[in-house]
PDB file of N, CA and C in Angstrom:
ATOM      1  N   MET A   1      82.681 181.886  95.534  1.00  0.00           N
ATOM      2  CA  MET A   1      82.851 181.267  96.818  1.00  0.00           C
ATOM      3  C   MET A   1      83.668 182.186  97.707  1.00  0.00           C
ATOM      4  N   GLN A   2      83.411 182.107  99.008  1.00  0.00           N
ATOM      5  CA  GLN A   2      84.167 182.933  99.946  1.00  0.00           C
ATOM      6  C   GLN A   2      85.532 182.286 100.182  1.00  0.00           C
ATOM      7  N   LEU A   3      86.563 183.121 100.142  1.00  0.00           N
ATOM      8  CA  LEU A   3      87.931 182.650 100.246  1.00  0.00           C
ATOM      9  C   LEU A   3      88.665 183.473 101.296  1.00  0.00           C
ATOM     10  N   ARG A   4      89.411 182.804 102.139  1.00  0.00           N
ATOM     11  CA  ARG A   4      90.225 183.488 103.150  1.00  0.00           C
ATOM     12  C   ARG A   4      91.632 183.681 102.584  1.00  0.00           C
ATOM     13  N   ILE A   5      92.165 184.884 102.786  1.00  0.00           N
ATOM     14  CA  ILE A   5      93.538 185.206 102.398  1.00  0.00           C
ATOM     15  C   ILE A   5      94.276 185.623 103.668  1.00  0.00           C
ATOM     16  N   ASP A   6      95.225 184.803 104.100  1.00  0.00           N
ATOM     17  CA  ASP A   6      96.038 185.130 105.272  1.00  0.00           C
ATOM     18  C   ASP A   6      97.208 185.997 104.832  1.00  0.00           C
ATOM     19  N   LEU A   7      97.473 187.045 105.583  1.00  0.00           N
ATOM     20  CA  LEU A   7      98.495 188.034 105.235  1.00  0.00           C
ATOM     21  C   LEU A   7      99.695 187.922 106.172  1.00  0.00           C
ATOM     22  N   PRO A   8     100.894 188.217 105.653  1.00  0.00           N
ATOM     23  CA  PRO A   8     102.086 188.161 106.505  1.00  0.00           C
ATOM     24  C   PRO A   8     102.109 189.318 107.496  1.00  0.00           C
ATOM     25  N   GLY A   9     102.916 189.153 108.536  1.00  0.00           N
ATOM     26  CA  GLY A   9     102.975 190.127 109.618  1.00  0.00           C
ATOM     27  C   GLY A   9     103.267 191.547 109.177  1.00  0.00           C
ATOM     28  N   LEU A  10     104.214 191.724 108.255  1.00  0.00           N
ATOM     29  CA  LEU A  10     104.553 193.073 107.805  1.00  0.00           C
ATOM     30  C   LEU A  10     103.364 193.750 107.130  1.00  0.00           C
ATOM     31  N   VAL A  11     102.660 193.005 106.288  1.00  0.00           N
ATOM     32  CA  VAL A  11     101.484 193.553 105.596  1.00  0.00           C
ATOM     33  C   VAL A  11     100.342 193.753 106.586  1.00  0.00           C
ATOM     34  N   ALA A  12     100.147 192.793 107.476  1.00  0.00           N
ATOM     35  CA  ALA A  12      99.089 192.903 108.478  1.00  0.00           C
ATOM     36  C   ALA A  12      99.293 194.143 109.344  1.00  0.00           C
ATOM     37  N   GLY A  13     100.551 194.457 109.650  1.00  0.00           N
ATOM     38  CA  GLY A  13     100.844 195.650 110.432  1.00  0.00           C
ATOM     39  C   GLY A  13     100.450 196.929 109.724  1.00  0.00           C
ATOM     40  N   VAL A  14     100.619 196.964 108.417  1.00  0.00           N
ATOM     41  CA  VAL A  14     100.243 198.140 107.623  1.00  0.00           C
ATOM     42  C   VAL A  14      98.725 198.251 107.509  1.00  0.00           C
ATOM     43  N   LEU A  15      98.060 197.111 107.263  1.00  0.00           N
ATOM     44  CA  LEU A  15      96.618 197.125 107.028  1.00  0.00           C
ATOM     45  C   LEU A  15      95.792 197.079 108.308  1.00  0.00           C
ATOM     46  N   GLY A  16      96.400 196.624 109.392  1.00  0.00           N
ATOM     47  CA  GLY A  16      95.660 196.529 110.642  1.00  0.00           C
ATOM     48  C   GLY A  16      94.806 195.283 110.770  1.00  0.00           C
ATOM     49  N   ARG A  17      95.043 194.293 109.937  1.00  0.00           N
ATOM     50  CA  ARG A  17      94.363 193.000 110.060  1.00  0.00           C
ATOM     51  C   ARG A  17      95.206 191.922 109.404  1.00  0.00           C
ATOM     52  N   ASP A  18      95.023 190.682 109.861  1.00  0.00           N
ATOM     53  CA  ASP A  18      95.895 189.609 109.402  1.00  0.00           C
ATOM     54  C   ASP A  18      95.293 188.721 108.318  1.00  0.00           C
ATOM     55  N   HIS A  19      94.055 189.009 107.914  1.00  0.00           N
ATOM     56  CA  HIS A  19      93.455 188.238 106.825  1.00  0.00           C
ATOM     57  C   HIS A  19      92.320 189.032 106.169  1.00  0.00           C
ATOM     58  N   LEU A  20      91.963 188.595 104.992  1.00  0.00           N
ATOM     59  CA  LEU A  20      90.823 189.145 104.261  1.00  0.00           C
ATOM     60  C   LEU A  20      89.893 188.000 103.896  1.00  0.00           C
ATOM     61  N   LEU A  21      88.625 188.288 103.764  1.00  0.00           N
ATOM     62  CA  LEU A  21      87.657 187.355 103.204  1.00  0.00           C
ATOM     63  C   LEU A  21      87.128 187.987 101.924  1.00  0.00           C
ATOM     64  N   VAL A  22      87.268 187.263 100.814  1.00  0.00           N
ATOM     65  CA  VAL A  22      86.827 187.787  99.517  1.00  0.00           C
ATOM     66  C   VAL A  22      85.961 186.751  98.815  1.00  0.00           C
ATOM     67  N   GLU A  23      85.173 187.221  97.869  1.00  0.00           N
ATOM     68  CA  GLU A  23      84.407 186.336  96.994  1.00  0.00           C
ATOM     69  C   GLU A  23      85.201 186.173  95.706  1.00  0.00           C
ATOM     70  N   ALA A  24      85.576 184.942  95.388  1.00  0.00           N
ATOM     71  CA  ALA A  24      86.394 184.712  94.195  1.00  0.00           C
ATOM     72  C   ALA A  24      86.318 183.256  93.762  1.00  0.00           C
ATOM     73  N   GLY A  25      86.411 183.049  92.462  1.00  0.00           N
ATOM     74  CA  GLY A  25      86.424 181.697  91.919  1.00  0.00           C
ATOM     75  C   GLY A  25      87.791 181.276  91.416  1.00  0.00           C
ATOM     76  N   THR A  26      88.665 182.261  91.163  1.00  0.00           N
ATOM     77  CA  THR A  26      90.007 181.972  90.670  1.00  0.00           C
ATOM     78  C   THR A  26      91.023 182.826  91.434  1.00  0.00           C
ATOM     79  N   LEU A  27      92.288 182.510  91.268  1.00  0.00           N
ATOM     80  CA  LEU A  27      93.336 183.295  91.901  1.00  0.00           C
ATOM     81  C   LEU A  27      93.310 184.735  91.402  1.00  0.00           C
ATOM     82  N   ALA A  28      93.116 184.931  90.108  1.00  0.00           N
ATOM     83  CA  ALA A  28      93.050 186.289  89.552  1.00  0.00           C
ATOM     84  C   ALA A  28      91.916 187.080  90.198  1.00  0.00           C
ATOM     85  N   GLU A  29      90.744 186.461  90.337  1.00  0.00           N
ATOM     86  CA  GLU A  29      89.609 187.130  90.971  1.00  0.00           C
ATOM     87  C   GLU A  29      89.896 187.423  92.439  1.00  0.00           C
ATOM     88  N   ALA A  30      90.579 186.511  93.117  1.00  0.00           N
ATOM     89  CA  ALA A  30      90.898 186.714  94.533  1.00  0.00           C
ATOM     90  C   ALA A  30      91.831 187.902  94.714  1.00  0.00           C
ATOM     91  N   LEU A  31      92.850 188.011  93.881  1.00  0.00           N
ATOM     92  CA  LEU A  31      93.770 189.142  93.988  1.00  0.00           C
ATOM     93  C   LEU A  31      93.060 190.451  93.675  1.00  0.00           C
ATOM     94  N   THR A  32      92.235 190.456  92.636  1.00  0.00           N
ATOM     95  CA  THR A  32      91.482 191.658  92.280  1.00  0.00           C
ATOM     96  C   THR A  32      90.558 192.071  93.429  1.00  0.00           C
ATOM     97  N   ALA A  33      89.869 191.113  94.019  1.00  0.00           N
ATOM     98  CA  ALA A  33      88.959 191.410  95.130  1.00  0.00           C
ATOM     99  C   ALA A  33      89.732 191.898  96.357  1.00  0.00           C
ATOM    100  N   ALA A  34      90.894 191.314  96.611  1.00  0.00           N
ATOM    101  CA  ALA A  34      91.706 191.739  97.752  1.00  0.00           C
ATOM    102  C   ALA A  34      92.179 193.173  97.570  1.00  0.00           C
ATOM    103  N   TYR A  35      92.607 193.523  96.357  1.00  0.00           N
ATOM    104  CA  TYR A  35      93.075 194.887  96.087  1.00  0.00           C
ATOM    105  C   TYR A  35      91.922 195.885  96.162  1.00  0.00           C
ATOM    106  N   ALA A  36      90.719 195.455  95.796  1.00  0.00           N
ATOM    107  CA  ALA A  36      89.549 196.334  95.906  1.00  0.00           C
ATOM    108  C   ALA A  36      89.186 196.552  97.372  1.00  0.00           C
ATOM    109  N   ALA A  37      89.296 195.498  98.183  1.00  0.00           N
ATOM    110  CA  ALA A  37      88.965 195.605  99.606  1.00  0.00           C
ATOM    111  C   ALA A  37      90.009 196.408 100.371  1.00  0.00           C
ATOM    112  N   GLU A  38      91.257 196.285  99.973  1.00  0.00           N
ATOM    113  CA  GLU A  38      92.377 196.971 100.636  1.00  0.00           C
ATOM    114  C   GLU A  38      93.276 197.583  99.568  1.00  0.00           C
ATOM    115  N   PRO A  39      92.981 198.796  99.098  1.00  0.00           N
ATOM    116  CA  PRO A  39      93.771 199.405  98.022  1.00  0.00           C
ATOM    117  C   PRO A  39      95.270 199.504  98.316  1.00  0.00           C
ATOM    118  N   ALA A  40      95.650 199.578  99.575  1.00  0.00           N
ATOM    119  CA  ALA A  40      97.077 199.648  99.916  1.00  0.00           C
ATOM    120  C   ALA A  40      97.792 198.322  99.675  1.00  0.00           C
ATOM    121  N   LEU A  41      97.050 197.239  99.509  1.00  0.00           N
ATOM    122  CA  LEU A  41      97.649 195.914  99.352  1.00  0.00           C
ATOM    123  C   LEU A  41      98.346 195.737  98.005  1.00  0.00           C
ATOM    124  N   GLY A  42      97.758 196.251  96.939  1.00  0.00           N
ATOM    125  CA  GLY A  42      98.324 196.077  95.600  1.00  0.00           C
ATOM    126  C   GLY A  42      99.785 196.491  95.499  1.00  0.00           C
ATOM    127  N   PRO A  43     100.131 197.716  95.874  1.00  0.00           N
ATOM    128  CA  PRO A  43     101.527 198.141  95.783  1.00  0.00           C
ATOM    129  C   PRO A  43     102.474 197.352  96.692  1.00  0.00           C
ATOM    130  N   LEU A  44     101.943 196.761  97.761  1.00  0.00           N
ATOM    131  CA  LEU A  44     102.788 195.958  98.639  1.00  0.00           C
ATOM    132  C   LEU A  44     103.128 194.602  98.029  1.00  0.00           C
ATOM    133  N   LEU A  45     102.217 194.071  97.202  1.00  0.00           N
ATOM    134  CA  LEU A  45     102.408 192.735  96.648  1.00  0.00           C
ATOM    135  C   LEU A  45     102.872 192.726  95.196  1.00  0.00           C
ATOM    136  N   GLU A  46     102.503 193.739  94.418  1.00  0.00           N
ATOM    137  CA  GLU A  46     102.814 193.741  92.990  1.00  0.00           C
ATOM    138  C   GLU A  46     103.797 194.850  92.634  1.00  0.00           C
ATOM    139  N   ASP A  47     104.578 194.583  91.583  1.00  0.00           N
ATOM    140  CA  ASP A  47     105.489 195.612  91.083  1.00  0.00           C
ATOM    141  C   ASP A  47     104.751 196.504  90.088  1.00  0.00           C
ATOM    142  N   GLU A  48     105.471 197.415  89.470  1.00  0.00           N
ATOM    143  CA  GLU A  48     104.863 198.395  88.564  1.00  0.00           C
ATOM    144  C   GLU A  48     104.247 197.757  87.316  1.00  0.00           C
ATOM    145  N   SER A  49     104.702 196.548  86.958  1.00  0.00           N
ATOM    146  CA  SER A  49     104.160 195.877  85.770  1.00  0.00           C
ATOM    147  C   SER A  49     102.951 195.000  86.101  1.00  0.00           C
ATOM    148  N   GLY A  50     102.572 194.928  87.392  1.00  0.00           N
ATOM    149  CA  GLY A  50     101.414 194.131  87.781  1.00  0.00           C
ATOM    150  C   GLY A  50     101.741 192.698  88.144  1.00  0.00           C
ATOM    151  N   ASP A  51     103.029 192.335  88.145  1.00  0.00           N
ATOM    152  CA  ASP A  51     103.446 190.992  88.553  1.00  0.00           C
ATOM    153  C   ASP A  51     103.706 190.987  90.057  1.00  0.00           C
ATOM    154  N   LEU A  52     103.567 189.812  90.664  1.00  0.00           N
ATOM    155  CA  LEU A  52     103.911 189.715  92.074  1.00  0.00           C
ATOM    156  C   LEU A  52     105.377 190.073  92.260  1.00  0.00           C
ATOM    157  N   ARG A  53     105.651 190.803  93.301  1.00  0.00           N
ATOM    158  CA  ARG A  53     107.034 191.182  93.583  1.00  0.00           C
ATOM    159  C   ARG A  53     107.885 189.928  93.778  1.00  0.00           C
ATOM    160  N   GLU A  54     109.179 190.071  93.514  1.00  0.00           N
ATOM    161  CA  GLU A  54     110.109 188.939  93.554  1.00  0.00           C
ATOM    162  C   GLU A  54     110.074 188.195  94.886  1.00  0.00           C
ATOM    163  N   HIS A  55     109.912 188.910  95.979  1.00  0.00           N
ATOM    164  CA  HIS A  55     109.966 188.286  97.299  1.00  0.00           C
ATOM    165  C   HIS A  55     108.585 188.023  97.901  1.00  0.00           C
ATOM    166  N   VAL A  56     107.554 187.988  97.053  1.00  0.00           N
ATOM    167  CA  VAL A  56     106.194 187.695  97.509  1.00  0.00           C
ATOM    168  C   VAL A  56     105.756 186.367  96.920  1.00  0.00           C
ATOM    169  N   LEU A  57     105.251 185.500  97.763  1.00  0.00           N
ATOM    170  CA  LEU A  57     104.675 184.236  97.320  1.00  0.00           C
ATOM    171  C   LEU A  57     103.206 184.210  97.701  1.00  0.00           C
ATOM    172  N   VAL A  58     102.381 183.681  96.813  1.00  0.00           N
ATOM    173  CA  VAL A  58     100.989 183.412  97.130  1.00  0.00           C
ATOM    174  C   VAL A  58     100.833 181.898  97.060  1.00  0.00           C
ATOM    175  N   LEU A  59     100.503 181.309  98.196  1.00  0.00           N
ATOM    176  CA  LEU A  59     100.357 179.867  98.292  1.00  0.00           C
ATOM    177  C   LEU A  59      98.890 179.513  98.410  1.00  0.00           C
ATOM    178  N   ILE A  60      98.494 178.454  97.718  1.00  0.00           N
ATOM    179  CA  ILE A  60      97.121 177.967  97.761  1.00  0.00           C
ATOM    180  C   ILE A  60      97.111 176.730  98.644  1.00  0.00           C
ATOM    181  N   ARG A  61      96.351 176.809  99.739  1.00  0.00           N
ATOM    182  CA  ARG A  61      96.197 175.648 100.610  1.00  0.00           C
ATOM    183  C   ARG A  61      95.102 174.768 100.013  1.00  0.00           C
ATOM    184  N   THR A  62      95.465 173.558  99.638  1.00  0.00           N
ATOM    185  CA  THR A  62      94.517 172.615  99.052  1.00  0.00           C
ATOM    186  C   THR A  62      94.367 171.411  99.978  1.00  0.00           C
ATOM    187  N   SER A  63      93.425 170.548  99.675  1.00  0.00           N
ATOM    188  CA  SER A  63      93.261 169.331 100.484  1.00  0.00           C
ATOM    189  C   SER A  63      94.459 168.404 100.321  1.00  0.00           C
ATOM    190  N   ALA A  64      95.198 168.541  99.226  1.00  0.00           N
ATOM    191  CA  ALA A  64      96.365 167.689  98.977  1.00  0.00           C
ATOM    192  C   ALA A  64      97.668 168.304  99.460  1.00  0.00           C
ATOM    193  N   GLY A  65      97.643 169.547  99.904  1.00  0.00           N
ATOM    194  CA  GLY A  65      98.868 170.212 100.345  1.00  0.00           C
ATOM    195  C   GLY A  65      98.865 171.662  99.913  1.00  0.00           C
ATOM    196  N   THR A  66     100.048 172.211  99.737  1.00  0.00           N
ATOM    197  CA  THR A  66     100.189 173.619  99.386  1.00  0.00           C
ATOM    198  C   THR A  66     100.736 173.745  97.973  1.00  0.00           C
ATOM    199  N   LEU A  67     100.152 174.663  97.205  1.00  0.00           N
ATOM    200  CA  LEU A  67     100.543 174.901  95.817  1.00  0.00           C
ATOM    201  C   LEU A  67     101.053 176.325  95.685  1.00  0.00           C
ATOM    202  N   ASN A  68     102.258 176.479  95.169  1.00  0.00           N
ATOM    203  CA  ASN A  68     102.846 177.798  94.947  1.00  0.00           C
ATOM    204  C   ASN A  68     102.261 178.374  93.662  1.00  0.00           C
ATOM    205  N   SER A  69     101.700 179.574  93.725  1.00  0.00           N
ATOM    206  CA  SER A  69     101.075 180.174  92.536  1.00  0.00           C
ATOM    207  C   SER A  69     102.091 180.420  91.423  1.00  0.00           C
ATOM    208  N   ARG A  70     103.373 180.519  91.744  1.00  0.00           N
ATOM    209  CA  ARG A  70     104.391 180.718  90.706  1.00  0.00           C
ATOM    210  C   ARG A  70     104.520 179.503  89.799  1.00  0.00           C
ATOM    211  N   TRP A  71     104.060 178.348  90.250  1.00  0.00           N
ATOM    212  CA  TRP A  71     104.125 177.135  89.443  1.00  0.00           C
ATOM    213  C   TRP A  71     102.960 177.019  88.472  1.00  0.00           C
ATOM    214  N   LEU A  72     101.985 177.905  88.583  1.00  0.00           N
ATOM    215  CA  LEU A  72     100.810 177.861  87.709  1.00  0.00           C
ATOM    216  C   LEU A  72     101.093 178.582  86.394  1.00  0.00           C
ATOM    217  N   PRO A  73     100.515 178.128  85.293  1.00  0.00           N
ATOM    218  CA  PRO A  73     100.727 178.832  84.022  1.00  0.00           C
ATOM    219  C   PRO A  73     100.089 180.222  83.989  1.00  0.00           C
ATOM    220  N   ASP A  74      99.026 180.404  84.785  1.00  0.00           N
ATOM    221  CA  ASP A  74      98.354 181.710  84.885  1.00  0.00           C
ATOM    222  C   ASP A  74      97.575 181.731  86.206  1.00  0.00           C
ATOM    223  N   HIS A  75      96.825 182.771  86.419  1.00  0.00           N
ATOM    224  CA  HIS A  75      96.075 182.910  87.670  1.00  0.00           C
ATOM    225  C   HIS A  75      94.604 182.536  87.500  1.00  0.00           C
ATOM    226  N   GLU A  76      94.299 181.735  86.503  1.00  0.00           N
ATOM    227  CA  GLU A  76      92.907 181.362  86.236  1.00  0.00           C
ATOM    228  C   GLU A  76      92.517 180.022  86.836  1.00  0.00           C
ATOM    229  N   ARG A  77      93.347 179.466  87.702  1.00  0.00           N
ATOM    230  CA  ARG A  77      93.024 178.196  88.346  1.00  0.00           C
ATOM    231  C   ARG A  77      91.799 178.372  89.241  1.00  0.00           C
ATOM    232  N   PRO A  78      90.771 177.530  89.047  1.00  0.00           N
ATOM    233  CA  PRO A  78      89.585 177.644  89.903  1.00  0.00           C
ATOM    234  C   PRO A  78      89.857 177.074  91.295  1.00  0.00           C
ATOM    235  N   PHE A  79      89.204 177.660  92.291  1.00  0.00           N
ATOM    236  CA  PHE A  79      89.331 177.171  93.656  1.00  0.00           C
ATOM    237  C   PHE A  79      88.353 176.038  93.904  1.00  0.00           C
ATOM    238  N   GLU A  80      88.760 175.138  94.776  1.00  0.00           N
ATOM    239  CA  GLU A  80      87.906 174.055  95.252  1.00  0.00           C
ATOM    240  C   GLU A  80      87.369 174.468  96.626  1.00  0.00           C
ATOM    241  N   PRO A  81      86.214 173.952  97.028  1.00  0.00           N
ATOM    242  CA  PRO A  81      85.699 174.267  98.364  1.00  0.00           C
ATOM    243  C   PRO A  81      86.734 173.920  99.443  1.00  0.00           C
ATOM    244  N   GLY A  82      86.854 174.807 100.415  1.00  0.00           N
ATOM    245  CA  GLY A  82      87.773 174.587 101.527  1.00  0.00           C
ATOM    246  C   GLY A  82      89.182 175.113 101.307  1.00  0.00           C
ATOM    247  N   GLU A  83      89.512 175.540 100.094  1.00  0.00           N
ATOM    248  CA  GLU A  83      90.844 176.068  99.843  1.00  0.00           C
ATOM    249  C   GLU A  83      90.967 177.494 100.376  1.00  0.00           C
ATOM    250  N   SER A  84      92.194 177.908 100.624  1.00  0.00           N
ATOM    251  CA  SER A  84      92.459 179.266 101.076  1.00  0.00           C
ATOM    252  C   SER A  84      93.813 179.697 100.540  1.00  0.00           C
ATOM    253  N   LEU A  85      94.114 180.976 100.698  1.00  0.00           N
ATOM    254  CA  LEU A  85      95.394 181.520 100.247  1.00  0.00           C
ATOM    255  C   LEU A  85      96.196 182.002 101.444  1.00  0.00           C
ATOM    256  N   VAL A  86      97.493 181.923 101.294  1.00  0.00           N
ATOM    257  CA  VAL A  86      98.378 182.531 102.275  1.00  0.00           C
ATOM    258  C   VAL A  86      99.436 183.315 101.498  1.00  0.00           C
ATOM    259  N   VAL A  87      99.627 184.563 101.883  1.00  0.00           N
ATOM    260  CA  VAL A  87     100.631 185.414 101.254  1.00  0.00           C
ATOM    261  C   VAL A  87     101.854 185.400 102.154  1.00  0.00           C
ATOM    262  N   MET A  88     103.008 185.210 101.537  1.00  0.00           N
ATOM    263  CA  MET A  88     104.260 185.199 102.291  1.00  0.00           C
ATOM    264  C   MET A  88     105.217 186.195 101.666  1.00  0.00           C
ATOM    265  N   GLN A  89     105.978 186.873 102.516  1.00  0.00           N
ATOM    266  CA  GLN A  89     107.000 187.788 102.062  1.00  0.00           C
ATOM    267  C   GLN A  89     108.333 187.326 102.611  1.00  0.00           C
ATOM    268  N   ALA A  90     109.285 187.118 101.707  1.00  0.00           N
ATOM    269  CA  ALA A  90     110.631 186.772 102.149  1.00  0.00           C
ATOM    270  C   ALA A  90     111.310 188.041 102.652  1.00  0.00           C
ATOM    271  N   VAL A  91     112.054 187.901 103.708  1.00  0.00           N
ATOM    272  CA  VAL A  91     112.844 189.008 104.226  1.00  0.00           C
ATOM    273  C   VAL A  91     114.287 188.676 103.902  1.00  0.00           C
ATOM    274  N   SER A  92     114.928 189.584 103.175  1.00  0.00           N
ATOM    275  CA  SER A  92     116.304 189.303 102.774  1.00  0.00           C
ATOM    276  C   SER A  92     117.165 190.542 103.017  1.00  0.00           C
ATOM    277  N   GLY A  93     118.406 190.331 102.882  1.00  0.00           N
ATOM    278  CA  GLY A  93     119.345 191.423 103.099  1.00  0.00           C
ATOM    279  C   GLY A  93     120.573 190.893 103.817  1.00  0.00           C
ATOM    280  N   GLY A  94     121.449 191.773 104.118  1.00  0.00           N
ATOM    281  CA  GLY A  94     122.662 191.261 104.743  1.00  0.00           C
ATOM    282  C   GLY A  94     123.244 192.182 105.750  1.00  0.00           C
TER     283      GLY A  94
END
């Protein structure tokens, strides 16, 4: 299924666009497809071990609300029609 991934401003500025459209059935497939479509995206979102960086959230917009991917046991959750992803980056420092 076609899935929209909305990107945060900092990432959108690097890539030159604010969203991606990918074909994916699960979160894992969506991330893989996004990294294939935009190779620069992987290092921005994942650390050297392949995990999402500490200050990156991937949220799943569902008909019931928003689901944080960090609450999932893995990235194999199937998407329902109409769902989309939003990537958020926390900005921290002092």
